[in-house]
Full PDB file with SEQRES, HELIX, SHEET, SSBOND, CRYST1, ORIGX, SCALE, CONECT and MASTER records, all heavy atoms in Angstrom:
SEQRES   1 A   38  SER ALA SER ALA THR GLY PHE ALA ARG TYR TRP GLN TYR          
SEQRES   2 A   38  ARG ASP LEU VAL ARG ASN LEU VAL ALA LYS ASP LEU LYS          
SEQRES   3 A   38  VAL ARG TYR GLN GLY ALA ALA LEU GLY PHE LEU TRP              
HELIX    1 AA1 GLY A    6  TRP A   11  1                                   6    
HELIX    2 AA2 ARG A   14  TYR A   29  1                                  16    
HELIX    3 AA3 GLY A   35  LEU A   37  5                                   3    
CRYST1    1.000    1.000    1.000  90.00  90.00  90.00 P 1           1          
ORIGX1      1.000000  0.000000  0.000000        0.00000                         
ORIGX2      0.000000  1.000000  0.000000        0.00000                         
ORIGX3      0.000000  0.000000  1.000000        0.00000                         
SCALE1      1.000000  0.000000  0.000000        0.00000                         
SCALE2      0.000000  1.000000  0.000000        0.00000                         
SCALE3      0.000000  0.000000  1.000000        0.00000                         
ATOM      1  N   SER A   1     -25.627  55.893 -23.471  1.00  0.00           N  
ATOM      2  CA  SER A   1     -26.359  54.685 -23.968  1.00  0.00           C  
ATOM      3  C   SER A   1     -26.749  53.872 -22.864  1.00  0.00           C  
ATOM      4  O   SER A   1     -27.705  53.016 -23.020  1.00  0.00           O  
ATOM      5  CB  SER A   1     -25.336  53.901 -24.858  1.00  0.00           C  
ATOM      6  OG  SER A   1     -24.240  53.361 -24.180  1.00  0.00           O  
ATOM      7  N   ALA A   2     -26.093  53.856 -21.718  1.00  0.00           N  
ATOM      8  CA  ALA A   2     -26.495  52.977 -20.548  1.00  0.00           C  
ATOM      9  C   ALA A   2     -27.898  53.473 -20.004  1.00  0.00           C  
ATOM     10  O   ALA A   2     -28.520  52.660 -19.502  1.00  0.00           O  
ATOM     11  CB  ALA A   2     -25.403  53.165 -19.370  1.00  0.00           C  
ATOM     12  N   SER A   3     -28.203  54.759 -20.220  1.00  0.00           N  
ATOM     13  CA  SER A   3     -29.575  55.157 -19.768  1.00  0.00           C  
ATOM     14  C   SER A   3     -30.586  55.160 -20.908  1.00  0.00           C  
ATOM     15  O   SER A   3     -31.597  55.603 -20.759  1.00  0.00           O  
ATOM     16  CB  SER A   3     -29.446  56.608 -19.398  1.00  0.00           C  
ATOM     17  OG  SER A   3     -28.920  57.545 -20.368  1.00  0.00           O  
ATOM     18  N   ALA A   4     -30.259  54.472 -22.014  1.00  0.00           N  
ATOM     19  CA  ALA A   4     -31.118  54.447 -23.062  1.00  0.00           C  
ATOM     20  C   ALA A   4     -32.443  53.591 -22.710  1.00  0.00           C  
ATOM     21  O   ALA A   4     -32.325  52.788 -21.844  1.00  0.00           O  
ATOM     22  CB  ALA A   4     -30.514  53.735 -24.334  1.00  0.00           C  
ATOM     23  N   THR A   5     -33.500  53.808 -23.455  1.00  0.00           N  
ATOM     24  CA  THR A   5     -34.727  53.083 -22.979  1.00  0.00           C  
ATOM     25  C   THR A   5     -35.193  52.426 -24.328  1.00  0.00           C  
ATOM     26  O   THR A   5     -34.866  52.818 -25.451  1.00  0.00           O  
ATOM     27  CB  THR A   5     -35.893  53.992 -22.545  1.00  0.00           C  
ATOM     28  OG1 THR A   5     -36.057  55.074 -23.415  1.00  0.00           O  
ATOM     29  CG2 THR A   5     -35.321  54.608 -21.174  1.00  0.00           C  
ATOM     30  N   GLY A   6     -36.270  51.600 -24.107  1.00  0.00           N  
ATOM     31  CA  GLY A   6     -36.867  50.958 -25.281  1.00  0.00           C  
ATOM     32  C   GLY A   6     -35.872  50.111 -26.112  1.00  0.00           C  
ATOM     33  O   GLY A   6     -34.992  49.437 -25.564  1.00  0.00           O  
ATOM     34  N   PHE A   7     -36.147  50.123 -27.341  1.00  0.00           N  
ATOM     35  CA  PHE A   7     -35.390  49.212 -28.263  1.00  0.00           C  
ATOM     36  C   PHE A   7     -33.916  49.623 -28.208  1.00  0.00           C  
ATOM     37  O   PHE A   7     -32.977  48.795 -28.266  1.00  0.00           O  
ATOM     38  CB  PHE A   7     -35.965  49.245 -29.726  1.00  0.00           C  
ATOM     39  CG  PHE A   7     -35.093  48.487 -30.670  1.00  0.00           C  
ATOM     40  CD1 PHE A   7     -35.209  47.150 -30.669  1.00  0.00           C  
ATOM     41  CD2 PHE A   7     -34.300  49.210 -31.581  1.00  0.00           C  
ATOM     42  CE1 PHE A   7     -34.495  46.387 -31.720  1.00  0.00           C  
ATOM     43  CE2 PHE A   7     -33.558  48.340 -32.475  1.00  0.00           C  
ATOM     44  CZ  PHE A   7     -33.690  46.975 -32.623  1.00  0.00           C  
ATOM     45  N   ALA A   8     -33.569  50.885 -28.083  1.00  0.00           N  
ATOM     46  CA  ALA A   8     -32.232  51.493 -28.113  1.00  0.00           C  
ATOM     47  C   ALA A   8     -31.441  50.742 -27.038  1.00  0.00           C  
ATOM     48  O   ALA A   8     -30.270  50.554 -27.218  1.00  0.00           O  
ATOM     49  CB  ALA A   8     -32.201  52.925 -28.001  1.00  0.00           C  
ATOM     50  N   ARG A   9     -32.143  50.478 -25.940  1.00  0.00           N  
ATOM     51  CA  ARG A   9     -31.235  49.877 -24.803  1.00  0.00           C  
ATOM     52  C   ARG A   9     -30.777  48.433 -25.174  1.00  0.00           C  
ATOM     53  O   ARG A   9     -29.707  48.174 -24.758  1.00  0.00           O  
ATOM     54  CB  ARG A   9     -32.299  49.761 -23.597  1.00  0.00           C  
ATOM     55  CG  ARG A   9     -31.632  49.096 -22.348  1.00  0.00           C  
ATOM     56  CD  ARG A   9     -32.720  48.773 -21.329  1.00  0.00           C  
ATOM     57  NE  ARG A   9     -32.245  48.061 -20.239  1.00  0.00           N  
ATOM     58  CZ  ARG A   9     -32.810  47.190 -19.392  1.00  0.00           C  
ATOM     59  NH1 ARG A   9     -34.185  46.996 -19.575  1.00  0.00           N  
ATOM     60  NH2 ARG A   9     -32.251  46.623 -18.474  1.00  0.00           N  
ATOM     61  N   TYR A  10     -31.538  47.721 -25.943  1.00  0.00           N  
ATOM     62  CA  TYR A  10     -31.166  46.352 -26.434  1.00  0.00           C  
ATOM     63  C   TYR A  10     -30.251  46.455 -27.666  1.00  0.00           C  
ATOM     64  O   TYR A  10     -29.299  45.611 -27.765  1.00  0.00           O  
ATOM     65  CB  TYR A  10     -32.380  45.466 -26.705  1.00  0.00           C  
ATOM     66  CG  TYR A  10     -33.308  45.393 -25.459  1.00  0.00           C  
ATOM     67  CD1 TYR A  10     -34.446  46.074 -25.469  1.00  0.00           C  
ATOM     68  CD2 TYR A  10     -32.824  44.659 -24.422  1.00  0.00           C  
ATOM     69  CE1 TYR A  10     -35.304  45.920 -24.445  1.00  0.00           C  
ATOM     70  CE2 TYR A  10     -33.709  44.644 -23.288  1.00  0.00           C  
ATOM     71  CZ  TYR A  10     -34.882  45.194 -23.245  1.00  0.00           C  
ATOM     72  OH  TYR A  10     -35.810  45.161 -22.091  1.00  0.00           O  
ATOM     73  N   TRP A  11     -30.395  47.436 -28.462  1.00  0.00           N  
ATOM     74  CA  TRP A  11     -29.670  47.602 -29.742  1.00  0.00           C  
ATOM     75  C   TRP A  11     -28.255  47.791 -29.450  1.00  0.00           C  
ATOM     76  O   TRP A  11     -27.358  47.340 -30.185  1.00  0.00           O  
ATOM     77  CB  TRP A  11     -30.222  48.675 -30.646  1.00  0.00           C  
ATOM     78  CG  TRP A  11     -29.572  48.898 -31.937  1.00  0.00           C  
ATOM     79  CD1 TRP A  11     -28.787  49.845 -32.243  1.00  0.00           C  
ATOM     80  CD2 TRP A  11     -29.428  47.971 -33.015  1.00  0.00           C  
ATOM     81  NE1 TRP A  11     -28.280  49.691 -33.559  1.00  0.00           N  
ATOM     82  CE2 TRP A  11     -28.782  48.518 -33.953  1.00  0.00           C  
ATOM     83  CE3 TRP A  11     -30.159  46.762 -33.322  1.00  0.00           C  
ATOM     84  CZ2 TRP A  11     -28.507  47.938 -35.267  1.00  0.00           C  
ATOM     85  CZ3 TRP A  11     -29.789  46.133 -34.419  1.00  0.00           C  
ATOM     86  CH2 TRP A  11     -29.096  46.728 -35.380  1.00  0.00           C  
ATOM     87  N   GLN A  12     -27.891  48.420 -28.385  1.00  0.00           N  
ATOM     88  CA  GLN A  12     -26.619  48.810 -28.050  1.00  0.00           C  
ATOM     89  C   GLN A  12     -25.659  47.447 -27.729  1.00  0.00           C  
ATOM     90  O   GLN A  12     -24.501  47.438 -27.716  1.00  0.00           O  
ATOM     91  CB  GLN A  12     -26.336  49.639 -26.868  1.00  0.00           C  
ATOM     92  CG  GLN A  12     -27.007  49.141 -25.673  1.00  0.00           C  
ATOM     93  CD  GLN A  12     -27.019  50.347 -24.480  1.00  0.00           C  
ATOM     94  OE1 GLN A  12     -26.298  51.199 -24.567  1.00  0.00           O  
ATOM     95  NE2 GLN A  12     -27.834  50.012 -23.519  1.00  0.00           N  
ATOM     96  N   TYR A  13     -26.442  46.392 -27.515  1.00  0.00           N  
ATOM     97  CA  TYR A  13     -25.789  45.130 -27.244  1.00  0.00           C  
ATOM     98  C   TYR A  13     -25.855  44.072 -28.432  1.00  0.00           C  
ATOM     99  O   TYR A  13     -25.684  42.880 -28.206  1.00  0.00           O  
ATOM    100  CB  TYR A  13     -26.471  44.443 -25.975  1.00  0.00           C  
ATOM    101  CG  TYR A  13     -26.341  45.107 -24.654  1.00  0.00           C  
ATOM    102  CD1 TYR A  13     -27.245  45.915 -24.265  1.00  0.00           C  
ATOM    103  CD2 TYR A  13     -25.137  44.950 -23.861  1.00  0.00           C  
ATOM    104  CE1 TYR A  13     -27.179  46.663 -22.993  1.00  0.00           C  
ATOM    105  CE2 TYR A  13     -25.054  45.653 -22.691  1.00  0.00           C  
ATOM    106  CZ  TYR A  13     -26.094  46.431 -22.264  1.00  0.00           C  
ATOM    107  OH  TYR A  13     -25.967  47.144 -21.008  1.00  0.00           O  
ATOM    108  N   ARG A  14     -26.088  44.654 -29.631  1.00  0.00           N  
ATOM    109  CA  ARG A  14     -26.167  43.828 -30.723  1.00  0.00           C  
ATOM    110  C   ARG A  14     -24.936  42.921 -31.023  1.00  0.00           C  
ATOM    111  O   ARG A  14     -25.004  41.919 -31.470  1.00  0.00           O  
ATOM    112  CB  ARG A  14     -26.435  44.742 -31.996  1.00  0.00           C  
ATOM    113  CG  ARG A  14     -25.391  45.731 -32.353  1.00  0.00           C  
ATOM    114  CD  ARG A  14     -26.003  46.796 -33.383  1.00  0.00           C  
ATOM    115  NE  ARG A  14     -25.016  47.766 -33.735  1.00  0.00           N  
ATOM    116  CZ  ARG A  14     -24.763  48.995 -32.931  1.00  0.00           C  
ATOM    117  NH1 ARG A  14     -25.496  49.130 -31.973  1.00  0.00           N  
ATOM    118  NH2 ARG A  14     -23.935  49.807 -33.323  1.00  0.00           N  
ATOM    119  N   ASP A  15     -23.707  43.592 -30.730  1.00  0.00           N  
ATOM    120  CA  ASP A  15     -22.441  42.830 -30.874  1.00  0.00           C  
ATOM    121  C   ASP A  15     -22.387  41.554 -29.932  1.00  0.00           C  
ATOM    122  O   ASP A  15     -21.990  40.557 -30.431  1.00  0.00           O  
ATOM    123  CB  ASP A  15     -21.259  43.708 -30.761  1.00  0.00           C  
ATOM    124  CG  ASP A  15     -21.050  44.710 -31.737  1.00  0.00           C  
ATOM    125  OD1 ASP A  15     -21.560  44.417 -32.941  1.00  0.00           O  
ATOM    126  OD2 ASP A  15     -20.391  45.683 -31.670  1.00  0.00           O  
ATOM    127  N   LEU A  16     -22.873  41.732 -28.754  1.00  0.00           N  
ATOM    128  CA  LEU A  16     -22.990  40.638 -27.944  1.00  0.00           C  
ATOM    129  C   LEU A  16     -23.875  39.519 -28.358  1.00  0.00           C  
ATOM    130  O   LEU A  16     -23.437  38.362 -28.409  1.00  0.00           O  
ATOM    131  CB  LEU A  16     -23.451  41.049 -26.543  1.00  0.00           C  
ATOM    132  CG  LEU A  16     -23.682  40.092 -25.442  1.00  0.00           C  
ATOM    133  CD1 LEU A  16     -22.391  39.354 -25.089  1.00  0.00           C  
ATOM    134  CD2 LEU A  16     -24.365  40.656 -24.149  1.00  0.00           C  
ATOM    135  N   VAL A  17     -24.970  39.882 -28.862  1.00  0.00           N  
ATOM    136  CA  VAL A  17     -25.950  38.826 -29.419  1.00  0.00           C  
ATOM    137  C   VAL A  17     -25.323  38.119 -30.554  1.00  0.00           C  
ATOM    138  O   VAL A  17     -25.374  37.022 -30.831  1.00  0.00           O  
ATOM    139  CB  VAL A  17     -27.229  39.484 -29.749  1.00  0.00           C  
ATOM    140  CG1 VAL A  17     -28.120  38.462 -30.486  1.00  0.00           C  
ATOM    141  CG2 VAL A  17     -27.946  40.101 -28.550  1.00  0.00           C  
ATOM    142  N   ARG A  18     -24.676  39.035 -31.502  1.00  0.00           N  
ATOM    143  CA  ARG A  18     -24.036  38.336 -32.678  1.00  0.00           C  
ATOM    144  C   ARG A  18     -22.942  37.404 -32.280  1.00  0.00           C  
ATOM    145  O   ARG A  18     -22.784  36.399 -32.956  1.00  0.00           O  
ATOM    146  CB  ARG A  18     -23.498  39.454 -33.504  1.00  0.00           C  
ATOM    147  CG  ARG A  18     -22.929  38.932 -34.840  1.00  0.00           C  
ATOM    148  CD  ARG A  18     -22.620  40.066 -35.945  1.00  0.00           C  
ATOM    149  NE  ARG A  18     -21.701  40.997 -35.239  1.00  0.00           N  
ATOM    150  CZ  ARG A  18     -21.810  42.326 -35.072  1.00  0.00           C  
ATOM    151  NH1 ARG A  18     -23.109  42.716 -35.214  1.00  0.00           N  
ATOM    152  NH2 ARG A  18     -20.958  43.144 -34.476  1.00  0.00           N  
ATOM    153  N   ASN A  19     -22.186  37.799 -31.270  1.00  0.00           N  
ATOM    154  CA  ASN A  19     -21.082  36.883 -30.847  1.00  0.00           C  
ATOM    155  C   ASN A  19     -21.586  35.560 -30.215  1.00  0.00           C  
ATOM    156  O   ASN A  19     -20.982  34.582 -30.310  1.00  0.00           O  
ATOM    157  CB  ASN A  19     -20.116  37.656 -29.928  1.00  0.00           C  
ATOM    158  CG  ASN A  19     -19.300  38.746 -30.610  1.00  0.00           C  
ATOM    159  OD1 ASN A  19     -18.983  38.519 -31.869  1.00  0.00           O  
ATOM    160  ND2 ASN A  19     -18.882  39.784 -29.971  1.00  0.00           N  
ATOM    161  N   LEU A  20     -22.678  35.729 -29.433  1.00  0.00           N  
ATOM    162  CA  LEU A  20     -23.231  34.588 -28.800  1.00  0.00           C  
ATOM    163  C   LEU A  20     -23.793  33.570 -29.784  1.00  0.00           C  
ATOM    164  O   LEU A  20     -23.578  32.383 -29.645  1.00  0.00           O  
ATOM    165  CB  LEU A  20     -24.382  35.073 -27.837  1.00  0.00           C  
ATOM    166  CG  LEU A  20     -24.029  35.670 -26.619  1.00  0.00           C  
ATOM    167  CD1 LEU A  20     -25.304  36.247 -25.863  1.00  0.00           C  
ATOM    168  CD2 LEU A  20     -23.269  34.729 -25.631  1.00  0.00           C  
ATOM    169  N   VAL A  21     -24.468  34.116 -30.849  1.00  0.00           N  
ATOM    170  CA  VAL A  21     -24.947  33.160 -31.881  1.00  0.00           C  
ATOM    171  C   VAL A  21     -23.754  32.665 -32.624  1.00  0.00           C  
ATOM    172  O   VAL A  21     -23.774  31.383 -33.005  1.00  0.00           O  
ATOM    173  CB  VAL A  21     -25.842  34.028 -32.953  1.00  0.00           C  
ATOM    174  CG1 VAL A  21     -26.205  33.147 -34.101  1.00  0.00           C  
ATOM    175  CG2 VAL A  21     -27.100  34.546 -32.140  1.00  0.00           C  
ATOM    176  N   ALA A  22     -22.825  33.354 -33.014  1.00  0.00           N  
ATOM    177  CA  ALA A  22     -21.619  32.932 -33.755  1.00  0.00           C  
ATOM    178  C   ALA A  22     -20.910  31.834 -32.936  1.00  0.00           C  
ATOM    179  O   ALA A  22     -20.430  30.720 -33.448  1.00  0.00           O  
ATOM    180  CB  ALA A  22     -20.666  34.002 -34.084  1.00  0.00           C  
ATOM    181  N   LYS A  23     -20.716  32.098 -31.628  1.00  0.00           N  
ATOM    182  CA  LYS A  23     -20.139  31.071 -30.675  1.00  0.00           C  
ATOM    183  C   LYS A  23     -20.868  29.716 -30.728  1.00  0.00           C  
ATOM    184  O   LYS A  23     -20.237  28.623 -30.837  1.00  0.00           O  
ATOM    185  CB  LYS A  23     -20.031  31.584 -29.429  1.00  0.00           C  
ATOM    186  CG  LYS A  23     -19.451  30.572 -28.414  1.00  0.00           C  
ATOM    187  CD  LYS A  23     -19.442  31.057 -26.996  1.00  0.00           C  
ATOM    188  CE  LYS A  23     -20.830  31.345 -26.286  1.00  0.00           C  
ATOM    189  NZ  LYS A  23     -21.451  29.939 -26.249  1.00  0.00           N  
ATOM    190  N   ASP A  24     -22.144  29.813 -30.596  1.00  0.00           N  
ATOM    191  CA  ASP A  24     -23.017  28.531 -30.563  1.00  0.00           C  
ATOM    192  C   ASP A  24     -22.823  27.806 -31.916  1.00  0.00           C  
ATOM    193  O   ASP A  24     -22.859  26.496 -32.047  1.00  0.00           O  
ATOM    194  CB  ASP A  24     -24.576  28.894 -30.360  1.00  0.00           C  
ATOM    195  CG  ASP A  24     -24.754  29.313 -28.904  1.00  0.00           C  
ATOM    196  OD1 ASP A  24     -23.832  29.066 -28.060  1.00  0.00           O  
ATOM    197  OD2 ASP A  24     -25.774  29.979 -28.633  1.00  0.00           O  
ATOM    198  N   LEU A  25     -22.810  28.537 -33.080  1.00  0.00           N  
ATOM    199  CA  LEU A  25     -22.755  27.906 -34.293  1.00  0.00           C  
ATOM    200  C   LEU A  25     -21.428  27.220 -34.509  1.00  0.00           C  
ATOM    201  O   LEU A  25     -21.311  26.036 -35.038  1.00  0.00           O  
ATOM    202  CB  LEU A  25     -22.786  29.007 -35.467  1.00  0.00           C  
ATOM    203  CG  LEU A  25     -24.301  29.419 -35.687  1.00  0.00           C  
ATOM    204  CD1 LEU A  25     -24.248  30.639 -36.633  1.00  0.00           C  
ATOM    205  CD2 LEU A  25     -25.228  28.418 -36.129  1.00  0.00           C  
ATOM    206  N   LYS A  26     -20.287  27.833 -34.056  1.00  0.00           N  
ATOM    207  CA  LYS A  26     -18.989  27.212 -34.158  1.00  0.00           C  
ATOM    208  C   LYS A  26     -18.867  25.913 -33.161  1.00  0.00           C  
ATOM    209  O   LYS A  26     -18.260  24.941 -33.616  1.00  0.00           O  
ATOM    210  CB  LYS A  26     -17.937  28.338 -33.654  1.00  0.00           C  
ATOM    211  CG  LYS A  26     -17.748  29.412 -34.708  1.00  0.00           C  
ATOM    212  CD  LYS A  26     -16.703  30.392 -34.260  1.00  0.00           C  
ATOM    213  CE  LYS A  26     -16.618  31.581 -35.204  1.00  0.00           C  
ATOM    214  NZ  LYS A  26     -15.555  32.561 -34.786  1.00  0.00           N  
ATOM    215  N   VAL A  27     -19.391  26.055 -32.051  1.00  0.00           N  
ATOM    216  CA  VAL A  27     -19.205  24.972 -31.148  1.00  0.00           C  
ATOM    217  C   VAL A  27     -20.178  23.796 -31.528  1.00  0.00           C  
ATOM    218  O   VAL A  27     -19.700  22.651 -31.419  1.00  0.00           O  
ATOM    219  CB  VAL A  27     -19.788  25.437 -29.659  1.00  0.00           C  
ATOM    220  CG1 VAL A  27     -19.999  24.225 -28.752  1.00  0.00           C  
ATOM    221  CG2 VAL A  27     -18.917  26.448 -29.079  1.00  0.00           C  
ATOM    222  N   ARG A  28     -21.282  24.060 -32.097  1.00  0.00           N  
ATOM    223  CA  ARG A  28     -22.197  23.001 -32.539  1.00  0.00           C  
ATOM    224  C   ARG A  28     -21.551  22.047 -33.697  1.00  0.00           C  
ATOM    225  O   ARG A  28     -21.696  20.870 -33.782  1.00  0.00           O  
ATOM    226  CB  ARG A  28     -23.570  23.558 -32.904  1.00  0.00           C  
ATOM    227  CG  ARG A  28     -24.606  22.488 -33.315  1.00  0.00           C  
ATOM    228  CD  ARG A  28     -25.915  22.979 -33.144  1.00  0.00           C  
ATOM    229  NE  ARG A  28     -26.863  21.877 -33.368  1.00  0.00           N  
ATOM    230  CZ  ARG A  28     -28.301  21.952 -33.191  1.00  0.00           C  
ATOM    231  NH1 ARG A  28     -28.649  23.069 -32.519  1.00  0.00           N  
ATOM    232  NH2 ARG A  28     -29.055  21.002 -33.533  1.00  0.00           N  
ATOM    233  N   TYR A  29     -21.053  22.829 -34.510  1.00  0.00           N  
ATOM    234  CA  TYR A  29     -20.528  22.096 -35.708  1.00  0.00           C  
ATOM    235  C   TYR A  29     -19.032  22.100 -35.939  1.00  0.00           C  
ATOM    236  O   TYR A  29     -18.527  21.848 -37.130  1.00  0.00           O  
ATOM    237  CB  TYR A  29     -21.218  22.725 -36.975  1.00  0.00           C  
ATOM    238  CG  TYR A  29     -22.655  22.706 -37.038  1.00  0.00           C  
ATOM    239  CD1 TYR A  29     -23.483  23.674 -36.814  1.00  0.00           C  
ATOM    240  CD2 TYR A  29     -23.243  21.425 -37.254  1.00  0.00           C  
ATOM    241  CE1 TYR A  29     -24.891  23.759 -36.859  1.00  0.00           C  
ATOM    242  CE2 TYR A  29     -24.675  21.170 -37.159  1.00  0.00           C  
ATOM    243  CZ  TYR A  29     -25.452  22.383 -37.022  1.00  0.00           C  
ATOM    244  OH  TYR A  29     -26.835  22.245 -36.971  1.00  0.00           O  
ATOM    245  N   GLN A  30     -18.331  22.351 -34.821  1.00  0.00           N  
ATOM    246  CA  GLN A  30     -16.831  22.422 -34.924  1.00  0.00           C  
ATOM    247  C   GLN A  30     -16.447  20.900 -35.327  1.00  0.00           C  
ATOM    248  O   GLN A  30     -16.741  20.030 -34.484  1.00  0.00           O  
ATOM    249  CB  GLN A  30     -16.269  22.687 -33.635  1.00  0.00           C  
ATOM    250  CG  GLN A  30     -14.826  22.934 -33.567  1.00  0.00           C  
ATOM    251  CD  GLN A  30     -14.278  23.546 -32.192  1.00  0.00           C  
ATOM    252  OE1 GLN A  30     -15.011  23.461 -31.303  1.00  0.00           O  
ATOM    253  NE2 GLN A  30     -13.107  24.136 -32.262  1.00  0.00           N  
ATOM    254  N   GLY A  31     -15.643  20.792 -36.317  1.00  0.00           N  
ATOM    255  CA  GLY A  31     -15.099  19.516 -36.666  1.00  0.00           C  
ATOM    256  C   GLY A  31     -15.976  18.536 -37.517  1.00  0.00           C  
ATOM    257  O   GLY A  31     -15.743  17.549 -38.010  1.00  0.00           O  
ATOM    258  N   ALA A  32     -17.201  19.045 -37.757  1.00  0.00           N  
ATOM    259  CA  ALA A  32     -18.226  18.218 -38.497  1.00  0.00           C  
ATOM    260  C   ALA A  32     -18.012  18.689 -40.055  1.00  0.00           C  
ATOM    261  O   ALA A  32     -17.988  19.981 -40.457  1.00  0.00           O  
ATOM    262  CB  ALA A  32     -19.583  18.736 -38.176  1.00  0.00           C  
ATOM    263  N   ALA A  33     -17.758  17.653 -40.855  1.00  0.00           N  
ATOM    264  CA  ALA A  33     -17.523  17.802 -42.260  1.00  0.00           C  
ATOM    265  C   ALA A  33     -18.658  18.498 -43.000  1.00  0.00           C  
ATOM    266  O   ALA A  33     -18.503  19.325 -43.911  1.00  0.00           O  
ATOM    267  CB  ALA A  33     -17.100  16.545 -42.909  1.00  0.00           C  
ATOM    268  N   LEU A  34     -19.912  18.139 -42.697  1.00  0.00           N  
ATOM    269  CA  LEU A  34     -20.962  18.803 -43.396  1.00  0.00           C  
ATOM    270  C   LEU A  34     -21.567  20.129 -42.779  1.00  0.00           C  
ATOM    271  O   LEU A  34     -22.439  20.658 -43.344  1.00  0.00           O  
ATOM    272  CB  LEU A  34     -22.118  17.736 -43.402  1.00  0.00           C  
ATOM    273  CG  LEU A  34     -21.920  16.410 -44.124  1.00  0.00           C  
ATOM    274  CD1 LEU A  34     -22.908  15.434 -44.146  1.00  0.00           C  
ATOM    275  CD2 LEU A  34     -21.322  16.664 -45.704  1.00  0.00           C  
ATOM    276  N   GLY A  35     -21.098  20.406 -41.623  1.00  0.00           N  
ATOM    277  CA  GLY A  35     -21.581  21.686 -41.079  1.00  0.00           C  
ATOM    278  C   GLY A  35     -22.924  21.982 -40.882  1.00  0.00           C  
ATOM    279  O   GLY A  35     -23.717  21.189 -40.365  1.00  0.00           O  
ATOM    280  N   PHE A  36     -23.337  22.998 -41.551  1.00  0.00           N  
ATOM    281  CA  PHE A  36     -24.854  23.399 -41.502  1.00  0.00           C  
ATOM    282  C   PHE A  36     -25.775  22.388 -42.051  1.00  0.00           C  
ATOM    283  O   PHE A  36     -26.865  22.273 -41.613  1.00  0.00           O  
ATOM    284  CB  PHE A  36     -25.064  24.698 -42.250  1.00  0.00           C  
ATOM    285  CG  PHE A  36     -24.855  25.954 -41.592  1.00  0.00           C  
ATOM    286  CD1 PHE A  36     -23.962  26.930 -41.937  1.00  0.00           C  
ATOM    287  CD2 PHE A  36     -25.720  26.257 -40.572  1.00  0.00           C  
ATOM    288  CE1 PHE A  36     -23.856  28.154 -41.322  1.00  0.00           C  
ATOM    289  CE2 PHE A  36     -25.606  27.424 -39.890  1.00  0.00           C  
ATOM    290  CZ  PHE A  36     -24.671  28.383 -40.186  1.00  0.00           C  
ATOM    291  N   LEU A  37     -25.264  21.468 -42.953  1.00  0.00           N  
ATOM    292  CA  LEU A  37     -26.198  20.443 -43.403  1.00  0.00           C  
ATOM    293  C   LEU A  37     -26.724  19.567 -42.388  1.00  0.00           C  
ATOM    294  O   LEU A  37     -27.744  18.905 -42.679  1.00  0.00           O  
ATOM    295  CB  LEU A  37     -25.423  19.780 -44.566  1.00  0.00           C  
ATOM    296  CG  LEU A  37     -25.095  20.590 -45.830  1.00  0.00           C  
ATOM    297  CD1 LEU A  37     -24.258  19.730 -46.852  1.00  0.00           C  
ATOM    298  CD2 LEU A  37     -26.280  21.231 -46.503  1.00  0.00           C  
ATOM    299  N   TRP A  38     -26.020  19.315 -41.256  1.00  0.00           N  
ATOM    300  CA  TRP A  38     -26.573  18.455 -40.294  1.00  0.00           C  
ATOM    301  C   TRP A  38     -27.887  19.096 -39.656  1.00  0.00           C  
ATOM    302  O   TRP A  38     -28.509  18.325 -39.097  1.00  0.00           O  
ATOM    303  CB  TRP A  38     -25.457  18.305 -39.246  1.00  0.00           C  
ATOM    304  CG  TRP A  38     -24.327  17.413 -39.570  1.00  0.00           C  
ATOM    305  CD1 TRP A  38     -23.027  17.675 -39.759  1.00  0.00           C  
ATOM    306  CD2 TRP A  38     -24.469  15.933 -39.851  1.00  0.00           C  
ATOM    307  NE1 TRP A  38     -22.344  16.402 -40.153  1.00  0.00           N  
ATOM    308  CE2 TRP A  38     -23.197  15.380 -40.154  1.00  0.00           C  
ATOM    309  CE3 TRP A  38     -25.610  15.044 -39.903  1.00  0.00           C  
ATOM    310  CZ2 TRP A  38     -23.093  14.064 -40.491  1.00  0.00           C  
ATOM    311  CZ3 TRP A  38     -25.429  13.678 -40.220  1.00  0.00           C  
ATOM    312  CH2 TRP A  38     -24.125  13.348 -40.488  1.00  0.00           C  
TER     313      TRP A  38                                                      
MASTER        0    0    0    3    0    0    0    6  312    1    0    3          
END                                                                             
């Protein structure tokens, strides 16, 4: 997979992208009562 090219090269890091997005969501609204609604 390390030698993958094109879209496959980035697809193998999908868990990293998902975790980055989830981390930002948690940090941004941590402790906020209304969460996403803000």
